C-alpha cells in the first residue's frame, strides 16, 4: 500500500498499529488543526488497506468525507 501511494503521489495516513511509517505519521495532530485538516479535506478518494482503523480522529475524518460524498461531494471510499 505504501509503495502504491508513493507511486501515485498520495499521502499515507497509516494507523499506529500498522507499523507503517510515512511523512504523515502525525496526521492525528493535523486533524486537530482546522487549517491543516482543510488540506486533507480536498481529497477525492480514500483507500483503506488492512483491518479496522483504531484512530478515533481518522475514523471521524473518514466518516465526514463519506458523509459529504452522500451530500453531493464526489468522494469515493474503498
PDB file of N, CA and C in Angstrom:
ATOM      1  N   UNK A   1       0.824  -1.189   0.000  1.00  0.00           N
ATOM      2  CA  UNK A   1       0.000   0.000   0.000  1.00  0.00           C
ATOM      3  C   UNK A   1       0.869   1.253   0.000  1.00  0.00           C
ATOM      4  N   UNK A   2       1.957   1.210   0.780  1.00  0.00           N
ATOM      5  CA  UNK A   2       2.827   2.384   0.858  1.00  0.00           C
ATOM      6  C   UNK A   2       3.502   2.656  -0.488  1.00  0.00           C
ATOM      7  N   UNK A   3       3.994   1.613  -1.146  1.00  0.00           N
ATOM      8  CA  UNK A   3       4.641   1.783  -2.450  1.00  0.00           C
ATOM      9  C   UNK A   3       3.646   2.313  -3.478  1.00  0.00           C
ATOM     10  N   UNK A   4       2.417   1.808  -3.444  1.00  0.00           N
ATOM     11  CA  UNK A   4       1.368   2.278  -4.350  1.00  0.00           C
ATOM     12  C   UNK A   4       1.099   3.760  -4.120  1.00  0.00           C
ATOM     13  N   UNK A   5       0.964   4.158  -2.861  1.00  0.00           N
ATOM     14  CA  UNK A   5       0.692   5.558  -2.536  1.00  0.00           C
ATOM     15  C   UNK A   5       1.842   6.452  -2.984  1.00  0.00           C
ATOM     16  N   UNK A   6       3.068   6.005  -2.781  1.00  0.00           N
ATOM     17  CA  UNK A   6       4.221   6.789  -3.214  1.00  0.00           C
ATOM     18  C   UNK A   6       4.237   6.942  -4.728  1.00  0.00           C
ATOM     19  N   UNK A   7       3.922   5.878  -5.439  1.00  0.00           N
ATOM     20  CA  UNK A   7       3.885   5.925  -6.898  1.00  0.00           C
ATOM     21  C   UNK A   7       2.818   6.906  -7.380  1.00  0.00           C
ATOM     22  N   UNK A   8       1.691   6.958  -6.681  1.00  0.00           N
ATOM     23  CA  UNK A   8       0.594   7.843  -7.060  1.00  0.00           C
ATOM     24  C   UNK A   8       0.793   9.269  -6.545  1.00  0.00           C
ATOM     25  N   UNK A   9       1.729   9.452  -5.608  1.00  0.00           N
ATOM     26  CA  UNK A   9       1.936  10.768  -5.014  1.00  0.00           C
ATOM     27  C   UNK A   9       0.888  11.105  -3.966  1.00  0.00           C
ATOM     28  N   UNK A  10       0.324  10.090  -3.344  1.00  0.00           N
ATOM     29  CA  UNK A  10      -0.726  10.266  -2.341  1.00  0.00           C
ATOM     30  C   UNK A  10      -0.143  10.142  -0.941  1.00  0.00           C
ATOM     31  N   UNK A  11      -0.731  10.833   0.028  1.00  0.00           N
ATOM     32  CA  UNK A  11      -0.266  10.669   1.411  1.00  0.00           C
ATOM     33  C   UNK A  11      -0.722   9.329   1.981  1.00  0.00           C
ATOM     34  N   UNK A  12       0.048   8.817   2.920  1.00  0.00           N
ATOM     35  CA  UNK A  12      -0.309   7.587   3.624  1.00  0.00           C
ATOM     36  C   UNK A  12      -0.650   7.964   5.059  1.00  0.00           C
ATOM     37  N   UNK A  13      -1.893   7.774   5.441  1.00  0.00           N
ATOM     38  CA  UNK A  13      -2.321   8.014   6.815  1.00  0.00           C
ATOM     39  C   UNK A  13      -2.409   6.652   7.485  1.00  0.00           C
ATOM     40  N   UNK A  14      -1.271   6.158   7.922  1.00  0.00           N
ATOM     41  CA  UNK A  14      -1.193   4.802   8.463  1.00  0.00           C
ATOM     42  C   UNK A  14      -1.604   4.772   9.927  1.00  0.00           C
ATOM     43  N   UNK A  15      -2.404   3.789  10.262  1.00  0.00           N
ATOM     44  CA  UNK A  15      -2.829   3.593  11.639  1.00  0.00           C
ATOM     45  C   UNK A  15      -1.608   3.218  12.486  1.00  0.00           C
ATOM     46  N   UNK A  16      -1.546   3.687  13.729  1.00  0.00           N
ATOM     47  CA  UNK A  16      -0.384   3.392  14.577  1.00  0.00           C
ATOM     48  C   UNK A  16      -0.070   1.895  14.703  1.00  0.00           C
ATOM     49  N   UNK A  17      -1.075   1.046  14.686  1.00  0.00           N
ATOM     50  CA  UNK A  17      -0.835  -0.391  14.831  1.00  0.00           C
ATOM     51  C   UNK A  17      -0.329  -1.052  13.550  1.00  0.00           C
ATOM     52  N   UNK A  18      -0.337  -0.324  12.435  1.00  0.00           N
ATOM     53  CA  UNK A  18       0.066  -0.930  11.164  1.00  0.00           C
ATOM     54  C   UNK A  18       1.569  -1.140  11.064  1.00  0.00           C
ATOM     55  N   UNK A  19       2.343  -0.341  11.800  1.00  0.00           N
ATOM     56  CA  UNK A  19       3.791  -0.436  11.704  1.00  0.00           C
ATOM     57  C   UNK A  19       4.357   0.278  10.492  1.00  0.00           C
ATOM     58  N   UNK A  20       3.516   0.940   9.707  1.00  0.00           N
ATOM     59  CA  UNK A  20       3.949   1.671   8.514  1.00  0.00           C
ATOM     60  C   UNK A  20       4.302   3.098   8.914  1.00  0.00           C
ATOM     61  N   UNK A  21       5.441   3.579   8.446  1.00  0.00           N
ATOM     62  CA  UNK A  21       5.820   4.962   8.719  1.00  0.00           C
ATOM     63  C   UNK A  21       5.632   5.785   7.449  1.00  0.00           C
ATOM     64  N   UNK A  22       5.385   7.066   7.634  1.00  0.00           N
ATOM     65  CA  UNK A  22       5.242   7.963   6.490  1.00  0.00           C
ATOM     66  C   UNK A  22       5.463   9.394   6.951  1.00  0.00           C
ATOM     67  N   UNK A  23       5.542  10.304   5.985  1.00  0.00           N
ATOM     68  CA  UNK A  23       5.665  11.728   6.309  1.00  0.00           C
ATOM     69  C   UNK A  23       4.426  12.235   7.023  1.00  0.00           C
ATOM     70  N   UNK A  24       3.352  11.500   6.948  1.00  0.00           N
ATOM     71  CA  UNK A  24       2.072  11.890   7.534  1.00  0.00           C
ATOM     72  C   UNK A  24       1.793  11.116   8.818  1.00  0.00           C
ATOM     73  N   UNK A  25       2.817  10.601   9.454  1.00  0.00           N
ATOM     74  CA  UNK A  25       2.599   9.759  10.631  1.00  0.00           C
ATOM     75  C   UNK A  25       1.961  10.512  11.794  1.00  0.00           C
ATOM     76  N   UNK A  26       2.014  11.828  11.751  1.00  0.00           N
ATOM     77  CA  UNK A  26       1.388  12.633  12.808  1.00  0.00           C
ATOM     78  C   UNK A  26       0.082  13.254  12.320  1.00  0.00           C
ATOM     79  N   UNK A  27      -0.628  12.546  11.456  1.00  0.00           N
ATOM     80  CA  UNK A  27      -1.886  13.063  10.907  1.00  0.00           C
ATOM     81  C   UNK A  27      -2.892  13.392  11.995  1.00  0.00           C
ATOM     82  N   UNK A  28      -2.791  12.721  13.133  1.00  0.00           N
ATOM     83  CA  UNK A  28      -3.715  12.980  14.232  1.00  0.00           C
ATOM     84  C   UNK A  28      -3.624  14.445  14.672  1.00  0.00           C
ATOM     85  N   UNK A  29      -2.409  14.985  14.679  1.00  0.00           N
ATOM     86  CA  UNK A  29      -2.221  16.402  15.018  1.00  0.00           C
ATOM     87  C   UNK A  29      -2.782  17.297  13.917  1.00  0.00           C
ATOM     88  N   UNK A  30      -2.614  16.895  12.655  1.00  0.00           N
ATOM     89  CA  UNK A  30      -3.164  17.662  11.534  1.00  0.00           C
ATOM     90  C   UNK A  30      -4.678  17.760  11.652  1.00  0.00           C
ATOM     91  N   UNK A  31      -5.300  16.650  11.986  1.00  0.00           N
ATOM     92  CA  UNK A  31      -6.760  16.619  12.039  1.00  0.00           C
ATOM     93  C   UNK A  31      -7.322  17.481  13.167  1.00  0.00           C
ATOM     94  N   UNK A  32      -6.483  17.859  14.126  1.00  0.00           N
ATOM     95  CA  UNK A  32      -6.912  18.731  15.221  1.00  0.00           C
ATOM     96  C   UNK A  32      -6.826  20.207  14.846  1.00  0.00           C
ATOM     97  N   UNK A  33      -6.126  20.518  13.768  1.00  0.00           N
ATOM     98  CA  UNK A  33      -5.925  21.901  13.339  1.00  0.00           C
ATOM     99  C   UNK A  33      -6.771  22.180  12.096  1.00  0.00           C
ATOM    100  N   UNK A  34      -7.816  22.998  12.223  1.00  0.00           N
ATOM    101  CA  UNK A  34      -8.723  23.224  11.085  1.00  0.00           C
ATOM    102  C   UNK A  34      -8.018  23.645   9.797  1.00  0.00           C
ATOM    103  N   UNK A  35      -7.016  24.514   9.891  1.00  0.00           N
ATOM    104  CA  UNK A  35      -6.320  24.984   8.688  1.00  0.00           C
ATOM    105  C   UNK A  35      -5.593  23.828   7.988  1.00  0.00           C
ATOM    106  N   UNK A  36      -4.961  22.972   8.767  1.00  0.00           N
ATOM    107  CA  UNK A  36      -4.246  21.831   8.193  1.00  0.00           C
ATOM    108  C   UNK A  36      -5.210  20.737   7.751  1.00  0.00           C
ATOM    109  N   UNK A  37      -6.249  20.515   8.540  1.00  0.00           N
ATOM    110  CA  UNK A  37      -7.238  19.489   8.195  1.00  0.00           C
ATOM    111  C   UNK A  37      -7.934  19.824   6.883  1.00  0.00           C
ATOM    112  N   UNK A  38      -8.085  21.117   6.600  1.00  0.00           N
ATOM    113  CA  UNK A  38      -8.754  21.512   5.356  1.00  0.00           C
ATOM    114  C   UNK A  38      -7.974  21.039   4.133  1.00  0.00           C
ATOM    115  N   UNK A  39      -6.653  20.903   4.265  1.00  0.00           N
ATOM    116  CA  UNK A  39      -5.856  20.368   3.153  1.00  0.00           C
ATOM    117  C   UNK A  39      -6.225  18.909   2.891  1.00  0.00           C
ATOM    118  N   UNK A  40      -6.425  18.153   3.957  1.00  0.00           N
ATOM    119  CA  UNK A  40      -6.831  16.758   3.798  1.00  0.00           C
ATOM    120  C   UNK A  40      -8.252  16.653   3.268  1.00  0.00           C
ATOM    121  N   UNK A  41      -9.083  17.646   3.588  1.00  0.00           N
ATOM    122  CA  UNK A  41     -10.480  17.630   3.148  1.00  0.00           C
ATOM    123  C   UNK A  41     -10.627  17.755   1.634  1.00  0.00           C
ATOM    124  N   UNK A  42      -9.549  18.110   0.944  1.00  0.00           N
ATOM    125  CA  UNK A  42      -9.604  18.272  -0.508  1.00  0.00           C
ATOM    126  C   UNK A  42      -9.520  16.942  -1.257  1.00  0.00           C
ATOM    127  N   UNK A  43      -9.376  15.846  -0.530  1.00  0.00           N
ATOM    128  CA  UNK A  43      -9.207  14.552  -1.202  1.00  0.00           C
ATOM    129  C   UNK A  43     -10.474  14.143  -1.955  1.00  0.00           C
ATOM    130  N   UNK A  44     -10.266  13.392  -3.008  1.00  0.00           N
ATOM    131  CA  UNK A  44     -11.370  12.865  -3.814  1.00  0.00           C
ATOM    132  C   UNK A  44     -11.559  11.369  -3.604  1.00  0.00           C
ATOM    133  N   UNK A  45     -10.586  10.738  -2.977  1.00  0.00           N
ATOM    134  CA  UNK A  45     -10.609   9.287  -2.858  1.00  0.00           C
ATOM    135  C   UNK A  45      -9.942   8.878  -1.551  1.00  0.00           C
ATOM    136  N   UNK A  46     -10.555   7.949  -0.841  1.00  0.00           N
ATOM    137  CA  UNK A  46      -9.975   7.372   0.371  1.00  0.00           C
ATOM    138  C   UNK A  46      -9.885   5.870   0.151  1.00  0.00           C
ATOM    139  N   UNK A  47      -8.674   5.342   0.190  1.00  0.00           N
ATOM    140  CA  UNK A  47      -8.462   3.896   0.072  1.00  0.00           C
ATOM    141  C   UNK A  47      -8.029   3.374   1.429  1.00  0.00           C
ATOM    142  N   UNK A  48      -8.684   2.351   1.906  1.00  0.00           N
ATOM    143  CA  UNK A  48      -8.291   1.737   3.176  1.00  0.00           C
ATOM    144  C   UNK A  48      -7.798   0.330   2.905  1.00  0.00           C
ATOM    145  N   UNK A  49      -6.574   0.060   3.341  1.00  0.00           N
ATOM    146  CA  UNK A  49      -5.990  -1.273   3.231  1.00  0.00           C
ATOM    147  C   UNK A  49      -5.885  -1.854   4.634  1.00  0.00           C
ATOM    148  N   UNK A  50      -6.106  -3.127   4.757  1.00  0.00           N
ATOM    149  CA  UNK A  50      -5.917  -3.783   6.041  1.00  0.00           C
ATOM    150  C   UNK A  50      -7.165  -3.793   6.899  1.00  0.00           C
ATOM    151  N   UNK A  51      -6.938  -4.027   8.170  1.00  0.00           N
ATOM    152  CA  UNK A  51      -8.054  -4.201   9.100  1.00  0.00           C
ATOM    153  C   UNK A  51      -8.577  -2.866   9.636  1.00  0.00           C
ATOM    154  N   UNK A  52      -9.403  -2.973  10.638  1.00  0.00           N
ATOM    155  CA  UNK A  52     -10.081  -1.828  11.235  1.00  0.00           C
ATOM    156  C   UNK A  52      -9.093  -0.763  11.709  1.00  0.00           C
ATOM    157  N   UNK A  53      -9.446   0.489  11.507  1.00  0.00           N
ATOM    158  CA  UNK A  53      -8.634   1.620  11.949  1.00  0.00           C
ATOM    159  C   UNK A  53      -8.948   1.893  13.415  1.00  0.00           C
ATOM    160  N   UNK A  54      -7.908   2.084  14.230  1.00  0.00           N
ATOM    161  CA  UNK A  54      -8.150   2.342  15.648  1.00  0.00           C
ATOM    162  C   UNK A  54      -8.155   3.828  15.998  1.00  0.00           C
ATOM    163  N   UNK A  55      -7.608   4.668  15.126  1.00  0.00           N
ATOM    164  CA  UNK A  55      -7.550   6.100  15.411  1.00  0.00           C
ATOM    165  C   UNK A  55      -8.950   6.709  15.366  1.00  0.00           C
ATOM    166  N   UNK A  56      -9.379   7.250  16.488  1.00  0.00           N
ATOM    167  CA  UNK A  56     -10.710   7.857  16.567  1.00  0.00           C
ATOM    168  C   UNK A  56     -10.820   9.046  15.612  1.00  0.00           C
ATOM    169  N   UNK A  57      -9.802   9.907  15.603  1.00  0.00           N
ATOM    170  CA  UNK A  57      -9.855  11.090  14.736  1.00  0.00           C
ATOM    171  C   UNK A  57      -9.858  10.711  13.258  1.00  0.00           C
ATOM    172  N   UNK A  58      -9.070   9.715  12.887  1.00  0.00           N
ATOM    173  CA  UNK A  58      -9.049   9.300  11.483  1.00  0.00           C
ATOM    174  C   UNK A  58     -10.388   8.695  11.091  1.00  0.00           C
ATOM    175  N   UNK A  59     -10.976   7.892  11.955  1.00  0.00           N
ATOM    176  CA  UNK A  59     -12.308   7.341  11.681  1.00  0.00           C
ATOM    177  C   UNK A  59     -13.339   8.452  11.525  1.00  0.00           C
ATOM    178  N   UNK A  60     -13.274   9.462  12.393  1.00  0.00           N
ATOM    179  CA  UNK A  60     -14.211  10.584  12.294  1.00  0.00           C
ATOM    180  C   UNK A  60     -14.012  11.335  10.985  1.00  0.00           C
ATOM    181  N   UNK A  61     -12.757  11.535  10.601  1.00  0.00           N
ATOM    182  CA  UNK A  61     -12.472  12.255   9.359  1.00  0.00           C
ATOM    183  C   UNK A  61     -12.987  11.464   8.153  1.00  0.00           C
ATOM    184  N   UNK A  62     -12.747  10.148   8.133  1.00  0.00           N
ATOM    185  CA  UNK A  62     -13.238   9.310   7.030  1.00  0.00           C
ATOM    186  C   UNK A  62     -14.759   9.364   6.971  1.00  0.00           C
ATOM    187  N   UNK A  63     -15.413   9.239   8.112  1.00  0.00           N
ATOM    188  CA  UNK A  63     -16.881   9.304   8.141  1.00  0.00           C
ATOM    189  C   UNK A  63     -17.385  10.644   7.628  1.00  0.00           C
ATOM    190  N   UNK A  64     -16.673  11.718   7.947  1.00  0.00           N
ATOM    191  CA  UNK A  64     -17.043  13.049   7.449  1.00  0.00           C
ATOM    192  C   UNK A  64     -16.918  13.099   5.928  1.00  0.00           C
ATOM    193  N   UNK A  65     -15.848  12.523   5.384  1.00  0.00           N
ATOM    194  CA  UNK A  65     -15.650  12.520   3.933  1.00  0.00           C
ATOM    195  C   UNK A  65     -16.754  11.728   3.246  1.00  0.00           C
ATOM    196  N   UNK A  66     -17.093  10.564   3.784  1.00  0.00           N
ATOM    197  CA  UNK A  66     -18.143   9.730   3.203  1.00  0.00           C
ATOM    198  C   UNK A  66     -19.486  10.439   3.308  1.00  0.00           C
ATOM    199  N   UNK A  67     -19.737  11.091   4.435  1.00  0.00           N
ATOM    200  CA  UNK A  67     -20.980  11.839   4.630  1.00  0.00           C
ATOM    201  C   UNK A  67     -21.102  12.953   3.601  1.00  0.00           C
ATOM    202  N   UNK A  68     -20.003  13.673   3.349  1.00  0.00           N
ATOM    203  CA  UNK A  68     -20.028  14.743   2.356  1.00  0.00           C
ATOM    204  C   UNK A  68     -20.277  14.179   0.971  1.00  0.00           C
ATOM    205  N   UNK A  69     -19.756  12.991   0.711  1.00  0.00           N
ATOM    206  CA  UNK A  69     -19.984  12.350  -0.575  1.00  0.00           C
ATOM    207  C   UNK A  69     -21.469  12.077  -0.772  1.00  0.00           C
ATOM    208  N   UNK A  70     -22.123  11.642   0.286  1.00  0.00           N
ATOM    209  CA  UNK A  70     -23.546  11.350   0.199  1.00  0.00           C
ATOM    210  C   UNK A  70     -24.370  12.625   0.079  1.00  0.00           C
ATOM    211  N   UNK A  71     -23.761  13.776   0.403  1.00  0.00           N
ATOM    212  CA  UNK A  71     -24.458  15.055   0.299  1.00  0.00           C
ATOM    213  C   UNK A  71     -24.112  15.780  -0.998  1.00  0.00           C
ATOM    214  N   UNK A  72     -23.505  15.071  -1.938  1.00  0.00           N
ATOM    215  CA  UNK A  72     -23.256  15.662  -3.243  1.00  0.00           C
ATOM    216  C   UNK A  72     -21.798  15.887  -3.577  1.00  0.00           C
ATOM    217  N   UNK A  73     -20.909  15.821  -2.613  1.00  0.00           N
ATOM    218  CA  UNK A  73     -19.483  15.955  -2.903  1.00  0.00           C
ATOM    219  C   UNK A  73     -18.980  14.595  -3.356  1.00  0.00           C
ATOM    220  N   UNK A  74     -18.201  14.570  -4.403  1.00  0.00           N
ATOM    221  CA  UNK A  74     -17.785  13.306  -5.009  1.00  0.00           C
ATOM    222  C   UNK A  74     -16.528  12.751  -4.345  1.00  0.00           C
ATOM    223  N   UNK A  75     -16.688  12.092  -3.215  1.00  0.00           N
ATOM    224  CA  UNK A  75     -15.590  11.419  -2.530  1.00  0.00           C
ATOM    225  C   UNK A  75     -15.891   9.932  -2.544  1.00  0.00           C
ATOM    226  N   UNK A  76     -14.930   9.154  -2.996  1.00  0.00           N
ATOM    227  CA  UNK A  76     -15.121   7.707  -3.050  1.00  0.00           C
ATOM    228  C   UNK A  76     -14.343   7.058  -1.918  1.00  0.00           C
ATOM    229  N   UNK A  77     -14.954   6.104  -1.248  1.00  0.00           N
ATOM    230  CA  UNK A  77     -14.310   5.376  -0.148  1.00  0.00           C
ATOM    231  C   UNK A  77     -14.242   3.907  -0.528  1.00  0.00           C
ATOM    232  N   UNK A  78     -13.047   3.366  -0.550  1.00  0.00           N
ATOM    233  CA  UNK A  78     -12.840   1.965  -0.937  1.00  0.00           C
ATOM    234  C   UNK A  78     -12.138   1.260   0.180  1.00  0.00           C
TER     235      UNK A  78
END
